[in-house]
Amino acid sequence: MLGREDEARDAAQEAFINAYRSISRFRGDAKVSSWLHRIAVNQCLTVKRRQKSRSEEYLSEDDEAESRVFVASPAGSPKNIAEKGERLRLVRQAVGALPQELREVIVMKEFEEMTFQEIAETLELPLSTVKSRLYTALKQLKMKLERLQVEVV
C-alpha cells in the first residue's frame, strides 16, 4: 500500500506496537488476522496522510522488488524490459491517483490477493460495497490507463 519497502517495514512495526498496546480492546468479533490487518491498514493510511501533508509522492519509481523481477526475467530484449518497466510505472501512478477508498480495495484485491470477504471484514464494509468499489476502481483505472495510452489487458 505504501509503495516503498522501507516505509512498509516501519508501518508494520508500528502496527504491531499499536496492536500490542490495544490488545485489551480486542473484542473477538472478528478473526485476529482481520483485526491485525485493519490495524496495519490504518497505520498505512496514517503514513500516507503524513506524506500527503508533506507533498511526498505516493508511489516509488524505483521499487527494488519489481526491478529485480524485470532484471531476472527472461522476457527478452532490454527494450522489452524497459517498456514493461514504463508500463508498470504508469499503472502504479494511475492506481496512486485513485481516491483512497477505491485504491485500498484494488490494492487489497489485486496486489495483496485478499478475498472479497476478507476485504469486507478488514474495512468493516458490506460485501456489496467492496464489490462495487472494486468495479468502480477497475473502471476508473482502465480509463486512466487508456488516456495514458497504456495497453489494457
N, C-alpha and C. Protein backbone atom coordinates (compact mmCIF):
# COMPACT_ATOMS: atom_id res chain seq x y z
N MET A 1 0.81 -1.20 0.00
CA MET A 1 0.00 0.00 0.00
C MET A 1 0.85 1.26 0.00
N LEU A 2 2.04 1.18 0.56
CA LEU A 2 2.86 2.37 0.69
C LEU A 2 3.79 2.58 -0.49
N GLY A 3 4.13 1.53 -1.20
CA GLY A 3 4.96 1.68 -2.39
C GLY A 3 6.44 1.53 -2.16
N ARG A 4 6.90 1.66 -0.93
CA ARG A 4 8.33 1.52 -0.65
C ARG A 4 8.52 0.52 0.48
N GLU A 5 9.48 -0.36 0.30
CA GLU A 5 9.70 -1.43 1.27
C GLU A 5 10.08 -0.90 2.65
N ASP A 6 10.93 0.11 2.70
CA ASP A 6 11.36 0.64 4.00
C ASP A 6 10.18 1.26 4.75
N GLU A 7 9.31 1.96 4.04
CA GLU A 7 8.13 2.54 4.68
C GLU A 7 7.18 1.44 5.16
N ALA A 8 7.06 0.39 4.36
CA ALA A 8 6.18 -0.73 4.73
C ALA A 8 6.69 -1.42 6.00
N ARG A 9 8.01 -1.61 6.09
CA ARG A 9 8.58 -2.23 7.29
C ARG A 9 8.31 -1.37 8.53
N ASP A 10 8.53 -0.07 8.39
CA ASP A 10 8.28 0.84 9.51
C ASP A 10 6.81 0.81 9.92
N ALA A 11 5.92 0.83 8.93
CA ALA A 11 4.48 0.81 9.21
C ALA A 11 4.09 -0.51 9.88
N ALA A 12 4.67 -1.62 9.43
CA ALA A 12 4.36 -2.92 10.03
C ALA A 12 4.80 -2.95 11.50
N GLN A 13 5.98 -2.41 11.76
CA GLN A 13 6.47 -2.37 13.14
C GLN A 13 5.55 -1.52 14.01
N GLU A 14 5.16 -0.37 13.51
CA GLU A 14 4.24 0.50 14.26
C GLU A 14 2.88 -0.19 14.46
N ALA A 15 2.43 -0.93 13.44
CA ALA A 15 1.14 -1.63 13.55
C ALA A 15 1.19 -2.67 14.67
N PHE A 16 2.28 -3.41 14.75
CA PHE A 16 2.39 -4.41 15.82
C PHE A 16 2.49 -3.76 17.20
N ILE A 17 3.17 -2.64 17.27
CA ILE A 17 3.22 -1.90 18.54
C ILE A 17 1.82 -1.44 18.93
N ASN A 18 1.08 -0.91 17.95
CA ASN A 18 -0.30 -0.47 18.21
C ASN A 18 -1.18 -1.64 18.63
N ALA A 19 -1.00 -2.80 17.98
CA ALA A 19 -1.79 -3.98 18.34
C ALA A 19 -1.48 -4.41 19.77
N TYR A 20 -0.22 -4.41 20.12
CA TYR A 20 0.19 -4.79 21.48
C TYR A 20 -0.44 -3.85 22.51
N ARG A 21 -0.41 -2.57 22.21
CA ARG A 21 -0.95 -1.58 23.14
C ARG A 21 -2.47 -1.67 23.28
N SER A 22 -3.13 -2.15 22.22
CA SER A 22 -4.60 -2.16 22.25
C SER A 22 -5.19 -3.56 22.33
N ILE A 23 -4.38 -4.55 22.70
CA ILE A 23 -4.88 -5.93 22.77
C ILE A 23 -6.06 -6.05 23.74
N SER A 24 -6.09 -5.24 24.77
CA SER A 24 -7.19 -5.31 25.74
C SER A 24 -8.51 -4.85 25.13
N ARG A 25 -8.45 -4.11 24.03
CA ARG A 25 -9.67 -3.64 23.37
C ARG A 25 -10.17 -4.61 22.29
N PHE A 26 -9.42 -5.69 22.03
CA PHE A 26 -9.87 -6.67 21.04
C PHE A 26 -11.08 -7.40 21.59
N ARG A 27 -12.21 -7.28 20.87
CA ARG A 27 -13.49 -7.82 21.35
C ARG A 27 -13.72 -9.26 20.91
N GLY A 28 -13.00 -9.72 19.93
CA GLY A 28 -13.20 -11.08 19.45
C GLY A 28 -14.33 -11.21 18.45
N ASP A 29 -14.86 -10.09 17.95
CA ASP A 29 -15.94 -10.12 16.97
C ASP A 29 -15.45 -10.63 15.61
N ALA A 30 -14.18 -10.42 15.33
CA ALA A 30 -13.60 -10.84 14.05
C ALA A 30 -12.38 -11.71 14.34
N LYS A 31 -11.83 -12.29 13.28
CA LYS A 31 -10.61 -13.07 13.45
C LYS A 31 -9.47 -12.14 13.85
N VAL A 32 -8.52 -12.68 14.57
CA VAL A 32 -7.36 -11.90 14.98
C VAL A 32 -6.63 -11.37 13.75
N SER A 33 -6.55 -12.19 12.71
CA SER A 33 -5.85 -11.75 11.49
C SER A 33 -6.55 -10.55 10.85
N SER A 34 -7.87 -10.53 10.87
CA SER A 34 -8.61 -9.38 10.33
C SER A 34 -8.37 -8.14 11.18
N TRP A 35 -8.36 -8.33 12.49
CA TRP A 35 -8.11 -7.22 13.41
C TRP A 35 -6.71 -6.64 13.19
N LEU A 36 -5.71 -7.52 13.09
CA LEU A 36 -4.34 -7.07 12.85
C LEU A 36 -4.21 -6.38 11.49
N HIS A 37 -4.88 -6.94 10.49
CA HIS A 37 -4.81 -6.34 9.15
C HIS A 37 -5.41 -4.94 9.17
N ARG A 38 -6.52 -4.78 9.88
CA ARG A 38 -7.14 -3.46 9.97
C ARG A 38 -6.20 -2.46 10.65
N ILE A 39 -5.52 -2.89 11.68
CA ILE A 39 -4.55 -2.01 12.35
C ILE A 39 -3.44 -1.63 11.37
N ALA A 40 -2.96 -2.61 10.60
CA ALA A 40 -1.90 -2.34 9.62
C ALA A 40 -2.37 -1.38 8.54
N VAL A 41 -3.59 -1.59 8.05
CA VAL A 41 -4.15 -0.69 7.03
C VAL A 41 -4.28 0.72 7.60
N ASN A 42 -4.78 0.83 8.82
CA ASN A 42 -4.90 2.15 9.45
C ASN A 42 -3.54 2.82 9.59
N GLN A 43 -2.53 2.04 9.94
CA GLN A 43 -1.18 2.60 10.07
C GLN A 43 -0.68 3.10 8.71
N CYS A 44 -0.93 2.32 7.66
CA CYS A 44 -0.54 2.74 6.31
C CYS A 44 -1.26 4.03 5.91
N LEU A 45 -2.53 4.12 6.24
CA LEU A 45 -3.29 5.33 5.93
C LEU A 45 -2.72 6.53 6.68
N THR A 46 -2.32 6.32 7.92
CA THR A 46 -1.71 7.39 8.70
C THR A 46 -0.41 7.85 8.05
N VAL A 47 0.40 6.90 7.63
CA VAL A 47 1.67 7.24 6.97
C VAL A 47 1.40 8.03 5.69
N LYS A 48 0.42 7.58 4.91
CA LYS A 48 0.12 8.27 3.65
C LYS A 48 -0.43 9.67 3.89
N ARG A 49 -1.23 9.83 4.93
CA ARG A 49 -1.72 11.18 5.26
C ARG A 49 -0.56 12.10 5.59
N ARG A 50 0.39 11.59 6.35
CA ARG A 50 1.58 12.39 6.69
C ARG A 50 2.36 12.74 5.43
N GLN A 51 2.50 11.76 4.54
CA GLN A 51 3.23 12.01 3.29
C GLN A 51 2.53 13.07 2.47
N LYS A 52 1.21 12.95 2.39
CA LYS A 52 0.45 13.89 1.59
C LYS A 52 0.59 15.31 2.14
N SER A 53 0.58 15.42 3.45
CA SER A 53 0.71 16.75 4.04
C SER A 53 2.09 17.34 3.78
N ARG A 54 3.06 16.48 3.54
CA ARG A 54 4.40 16.96 3.20
C ARG A 54 4.63 16.94 1.69
N SER A 55 3.57 16.68 0.94
CA SER A 55 3.61 16.66 -0.52
C SER A 55 4.60 15.64 -1.07
N GLU A 56 4.67 14.49 -0.41
CA GLU A 56 5.53 13.43 -0.93
C GLU A 56 4.73 12.58 -1.90
N GLU A 57 5.40 11.99 -2.85
CA GLU A 57 4.75 11.15 -3.85
C GLU A 57 4.38 9.81 -3.23
N TYR A 58 3.18 9.31 -3.57
CA TYR A 58 2.68 8.04 -3.03
C TYR A 58 3.45 6.85 -3.58
N LEU A 59 3.77 6.90 -4.85
CA LEU A 59 4.38 5.74 -5.49
C LEU A 59 5.88 5.93 -5.69
N SER A 60 6.64 4.92 -5.40
CA SER A 60 8.07 4.95 -5.62
C SER A 60 8.36 4.50 -7.05
N GLU A 61 9.28 5.18 -7.70
CA GLU A 61 9.59 4.81 -9.07
C GLU A 61 10.70 3.79 -9.16
N ASP A 62 11.36 3.50 -8.06
CA ASP A 62 12.46 2.55 -8.12
C ASP A 62 12.26 1.41 -7.15
N ASP A 63 11.10 0.82 -7.19
CA ASP A 63 10.78 -0.29 -6.30
C ASP A 63 11.73 -1.45 -6.56
N GLU A 64 12.51 -1.81 -5.54
CA GLU A 64 13.55 -2.81 -5.71
C GLU A 64 13.01 -4.17 -6.12
N ALA A 65 11.94 -4.61 -5.50
CA ALA A 65 11.43 -5.95 -5.79
C ALA A 65 11.02 -6.07 -7.24
N GLU A 66 10.31 -5.08 -7.75
CA GLU A 66 9.87 -5.17 -9.13
C GLU A 66 11.03 -4.96 -10.08
N SER A 67 12.02 -4.18 -9.70
CA SER A 67 13.20 -4.01 -10.53
C SER A 67 13.91 -5.34 -10.70
N ARG A 68 14.01 -6.10 -9.61
CA ARG A 68 14.66 -7.40 -9.69
C ARG A 68 13.89 -8.34 -10.60
N VAL A 69 12.56 -8.27 -10.58
CA VAL A 69 11.76 -9.13 -11.45
C VAL A 69 12.08 -8.84 -12.90
N PHE A 70 12.19 -7.57 -13.24
CA PHE A 70 12.47 -7.22 -14.63
C PHE A 70 13.89 -7.62 -15.02
N VAL A 71 14.83 -7.46 -14.14
CA VAL A 71 16.21 -7.80 -14.46
C VAL A 71 16.36 -9.30 -14.62
N ALA A 72 15.72 -10.07 -13.74
CA ALA A 72 15.87 -11.52 -13.77
C ALA A 72 14.98 -12.18 -14.82
N SER A 73 14.06 -11.44 -15.37
CA SER A 73 13.11 -12.01 -16.31
C SER A 73 13.76 -12.34 -17.65
N PRO A 74 13.48 -13.53 -18.17
CA PRO A 74 14.00 -13.88 -19.49
C PRO A 74 13.09 -13.33 -20.59
N ALA A 75 12.38 -12.26 -20.29
CA ALA A 75 11.38 -11.71 -21.20
C ALA A 75 11.96 -11.21 -22.51
N GLY A 76 13.24 -11.05 -22.58
CA GLY A 76 13.80 -10.66 -23.86
C GLY A 76 14.72 -9.47 -23.79
N SER A 77 14.57 -8.66 -24.78
CA SER A 77 15.50 -7.56 -25.01
C SER A 77 15.40 -6.47 -23.95
N PRO A 78 16.45 -5.68 -23.84
CA PRO A 78 16.40 -4.54 -22.93
C PRO A 78 15.25 -3.59 -23.25
N LYS A 79 14.91 -3.49 -24.54
CA LYS A 79 13.78 -2.63 -24.93
C LYS A 79 12.48 -3.14 -24.31
N ASN A 80 12.25 -4.46 -24.40
CA ASN A 80 11.04 -5.04 -23.81
C ASN A 80 11.00 -4.83 -22.30
N ILE A 81 12.14 -5.01 -21.67
CA ILE A 81 12.22 -4.83 -20.23
C ILE A 81 11.92 -3.37 -19.87
N ALA A 82 12.48 -2.44 -20.64
CA ALA A 82 12.24 -1.01 -20.40
C ALA A 82 10.77 -0.66 -20.60
N GLU A 83 10.15 -1.23 -21.64
CA GLU A 83 8.73 -0.97 -21.89
C GLU A 83 7.86 -1.50 -20.76
N LYS A 84 8.19 -2.70 -20.27
CA LYS A 84 7.43 -3.26 -19.15
C LYS A 84 7.60 -2.40 -17.91
N GLY A 85 8.81 -1.94 -17.68
CA GLY A 85 9.07 -1.07 -16.54
C GLY A 85 8.27 0.22 -16.62
N GLU A 86 8.20 0.79 -17.81
CA GLU A 86 7.44 2.03 -18.01
C GLU A 86 5.95 1.78 -17.81
N ARG A 87 5.44 0.64 -18.33
CA ARG A 87 4.03 0.30 -18.14
C ARG A 87 3.72 0.14 -16.65
N LEU A 88 4.61 -0.54 -15.95
CA LEU A 88 4.41 -0.74 -14.51
C LEU A 88 4.38 0.61 -13.80
N ARG A 89 5.28 1.50 -14.14
CA ARG A 89 5.32 2.82 -13.52
C ARG A 89 4.01 3.56 -13.77
N LEU A 90 3.49 3.48 -15.00
CA LEU A 90 2.24 4.17 -15.33
C LEU A 90 1.05 3.55 -14.60
N VAL A 91 1.04 2.23 -14.49
CA VAL A 91 -0.05 1.56 -13.76
C VAL A 91 -0.01 1.97 -12.29
N ARG A 92 1.18 1.96 -11.70
CA ARG A 92 1.30 2.35 -10.29
C ARG A 92 0.89 3.81 -10.10
N GLN A 93 1.25 4.65 -11.05
CA GLN A 93 0.87 6.07 -10.98
C GLN A 93 -0.65 6.20 -11.05
N ALA A 94 -1.27 5.44 -11.96
CA ALA A 94 -2.73 5.50 -12.11
C ALA A 94 -3.43 4.98 -10.86
N VAL A 95 -2.93 3.90 -10.28
CA VAL A 95 -3.52 3.37 -9.04
C VAL A 95 -3.37 4.40 -7.93
N GLY A 96 -2.22 5.03 -7.85
CA GLY A 96 -1.98 6.04 -6.83
C GLY A 96 -2.87 7.25 -6.96
N ALA A 97 -3.37 7.51 -8.17
CA ALA A 97 -4.23 8.67 -8.40
C ALA A 97 -5.70 8.39 -8.07
N LEU A 98 -6.03 7.13 -7.82
CA LEU A 98 -7.41 6.79 -7.46
C LEU A 98 -7.75 7.36 -6.09
N PRO A 99 -9.03 7.65 -5.84
CA PRO A 99 -9.43 8.08 -4.50
C PRO A 99 -9.08 6.99 -3.47
N GLN A 100 -8.78 7.38 -2.27
CA GLN A 100 -8.33 6.47 -1.21
C GLN A 100 -9.24 5.25 -1.06
N GLU A 101 -10.56 5.45 -1.01
CA GLU A 101 -11.48 4.33 -0.77
C GLU A 101 -11.45 3.32 -1.91
N LEU A 102 -11.16 3.76 -3.13
CA LEU A 102 -11.05 2.84 -4.25
C LEU A 102 -9.67 2.20 -4.29
N ARG A 103 -8.65 2.99 -4.01
CA ARG A 103 -7.28 2.50 -4.06
C ARG A 103 -7.07 1.37 -3.06
N GLU A 104 -7.58 1.53 -1.83
CA GLU A 104 -7.33 0.50 -0.83
C GLU A 104 -8.00 -0.82 -1.21
N VAL A 105 -9.17 -0.77 -1.83
CA VAL A 105 -9.86 -2.00 -2.24
C VAL A 105 -9.10 -2.68 -3.38
N ILE A 106 -8.67 -1.91 -4.37
CA ILE A 106 -7.97 -2.52 -5.50
C ILE A 106 -6.61 -3.07 -5.07
N VAL A 107 -5.94 -2.39 -4.16
CA VAL A 107 -4.64 -2.89 -3.67
C VAL A 107 -4.84 -4.19 -2.91
N MET A 108 -5.85 -4.24 -2.05
CA MET A 108 -6.10 -5.45 -1.27
C MET A 108 -6.48 -6.63 -2.17
N LYS A 109 -7.30 -6.37 -3.17
CA LYS A 109 -7.78 -7.45 -4.04
C LYS A 109 -6.72 -7.89 -5.05
N GLU A 110 -6.15 -6.94 -5.76
CA GLU A 110 -5.27 -7.28 -6.87
C GLU A 110 -3.82 -7.49 -6.48
N PHE A 111 -3.34 -6.77 -5.48
CA PHE A 111 -1.93 -6.88 -5.12
C PHE A 111 -1.71 -7.76 -3.89
N GLU A 112 -2.60 -7.65 -2.91
CA GLU A 112 -2.47 -8.47 -1.71
C GLU A 112 -3.26 -9.77 -1.84
N GLU A 113 -4.02 -9.92 -2.91
CA GLU A 113 -4.78 -11.13 -3.24
C GLU A 113 -5.72 -11.57 -2.13
N MET A 114 -6.38 -10.60 -1.52
CA MET A 114 -7.36 -10.90 -0.48
C MET A 114 -8.70 -11.24 -1.14
N THR A 115 -9.51 -12.03 -0.46
CA THR A 115 -10.84 -12.33 -0.97
C THR A 115 -11.76 -11.14 -0.67
N PHE A 116 -12.91 -11.12 -1.35
CA PHE A 116 -13.88 -10.06 -1.09
C PHE A 116 -14.29 -10.07 0.38
N GLN A 117 -14.50 -11.26 0.92
CA GLN A 117 -14.92 -11.38 2.32
C GLN A 117 -13.85 -10.83 3.27
N GLU A 118 -12.59 -11.15 3.00
CA GLU A 118 -11.50 -10.64 3.85
C GLU A 118 -11.42 -9.12 3.79
N ILE A 119 -11.61 -8.57 2.59
CA ILE A 119 -11.58 -7.11 2.44
C ILE A 119 -12.73 -6.49 3.21
N ALA A 120 -13.92 -7.08 3.07
CA ALA A 120 -15.10 -6.56 3.77
C ALA A 120 -14.89 -6.57 5.28
N GLU A 121 -14.34 -7.65 5.81
CA GLU A 121 -14.08 -7.74 7.25
C GLU A 121 -13.02 -6.73 7.68
N THR A 122 -11.97 -6.61 6.90
CA THR A 122 -10.88 -5.71 7.25
C THR A 122 -11.32 -4.26 7.25
N LEU A 123 -12.07 -3.88 6.23
CA LEU A 123 -12.51 -2.49 6.11
C LEU A 123 -13.82 -2.22 6.84
N GLU A 124 -14.40 -3.29 7.39
CA GLU A 124 -15.68 -3.19 8.09
C GLU A 124 -16.74 -2.57 7.18
N LEU A 125 -16.85 -3.16 5.98
CA LEU A 125 -17.82 -2.71 4.97
C LEU A 125 -18.68 -3.89 4.55
N PRO A 126 -19.89 -3.61 4.06
CA PRO A 126 -20.69 -4.69 3.48
C PRO A 126 -19.99 -5.26 2.25
N LEU A 127 -20.19 -6.54 2.01
CA LEU A 127 -19.58 -7.22 0.86
C LEU A 127 -19.96 -6.52 -0.44
N SER A 128 -21.20 -6.09 -0.57
CA SER A 128 -21.66 -5.43 -1.79
C SER A 128 -20.91 -4.11 -2.02
N THR A 129 -20.57 -3.41 -0.96
CA THR A 129 -19.82 -2.16 -1.09
C THR A 129 -18.41 -2.43 -1.59
N VAL A 130 -17.79 -3.49 -1.08
CA VAL A 130 -16.44 -3.85 -1.53
C VAL A 130 -16.46 -4.17 -3.02
N LYS A 131 -17.44 -4.97 -3.45
CA LYS A 131 -17.53 -5.34 -4.86
C LYS A 131 -17.79 -4.11 -5.73
N SER A 132 -18.65 -3.24 -5.27
CA SER A 132 -18.96 -2.01 -6.01
C SER A 132 -17.73 -1.12 -6.13
N ARG A 133 -17.00 -0.98 -5.04
CA ARG A 133 -15.80 -0.14 -5.07
C ARG A 133 -14.74 -0.73 -6.00
N LEU A 134 -14.60 -2.05 -5.99
CA LEU A 134 -13.62 -2.67 -6.88
C LEU A 134 -14.01 -2.46 -8.33
N TYR A 135 -15.29 -2.63 -8.64
CA TYR A 135 -15.76 -2.40 -10.00
C TYR A 135 -15.47 -0.96 -10.43
N THR A 136 -15.80 -0.02 -9.57
CA THR A 136 -15.56 1.40 -9.87
C THR A 136 -14.07 1.68 -10.01
N ALA A 137 -13.27 1.10 -9.13
CA ALA A 137 -11.81 1.31 -9.18
C ALA A 137 -11.24 0.78 -10.49
N LEU A 138 -11.65 -0.42 -10.89
CA LEU A 138 -11.14 -1.00 -12.13
C LEU A 138 -11.57 -0.18 -13.35
N LYS A 139 -12.80 0.29 -13.31
CA LYS A 139 -13.32 1.12 -14.40
C LYS A 139 -12.52 2.42 -14.51
N GLN A 140 -12.30 3.09 -13.38
CA GLN A 140 -11.53 4.34 -13.39
C GLN A 140 -10.08 4.09 -13.78
N LEU A 141 -9.52 2.99 -13.31
CA LEU A 141 -8.14 2.65 -13.65
C LEU A 141 -8.00 2.41 -15.15
N LYS A 142 -8.95 1.70 -15.71
CA LYS A 142 -8.92 1.45 -17.16
C LYS A 142 -8.97 2.76 -17.94
N MET A 143 -9.84 3.67 -17.52
CA MET A 143 -9.94 4.96 -18.22
C MET A 143 -8.64 5.75 -18.10
N LYS A 144 -8.05 5.76 -16.91
CA LYS A 144 -6.79 6.48 -16.71
C LYS A 144 -5.68 5.90 -17.58
N LEU A 145 -5.63 4.58 -17.65
CA LEU A 145 -4.58 3.93 -18.44
C LEU A 145 -4.80 4.14 -19.94
N GLU A 146 -6.05 4.14 -20.36
CA GLU A 146 -6.33 4.40 -21.77
C GLU A 146 -5.91 5.82 -22.15
N ARG A 147 -6.13 6.77 -21.25
CA ARG A 147 -5.69 8.15 -21.50
C ARG A 147 -4.18 8.23 -21.61
N LEU A 148 -3.50 7.40 -20.84
CA LEU A 148 -2.04 7.37 -20.88
C LEU A 148 -1.52 6.48 -22.01
N GLN A 149 -2.45 5.91 -22.74
CA GLN A 149 -2.16 5.02 -23.86
C GLN A 149 -1.35 3.80 -23.42
N VAL A 150 -1.74 3.26 -22.27
CA VAL A 150 -1.14 2.03 -21.78
C VAL A 150 -2.04 0.89 -22.22
N GLU A 151 -1.44 -0.16 -22.76
CA GLU A 151 -2.20 -1.30 -23.24
C GLU A 151 -2.90 -1.96 -22.06
N VAL A 152 -4.25 -2.00 -22.11
CA VAL A 152 -5.05 -2.59 -21.04
C VAL A 152 -5.38 -4.02 -21.44
N VAL A 153 -4.99 -4.96 -20.56
CA VAL A 153 -5.21 -6.38 -20.86
C VAL A 153 -6.54 -6.82 -20.32
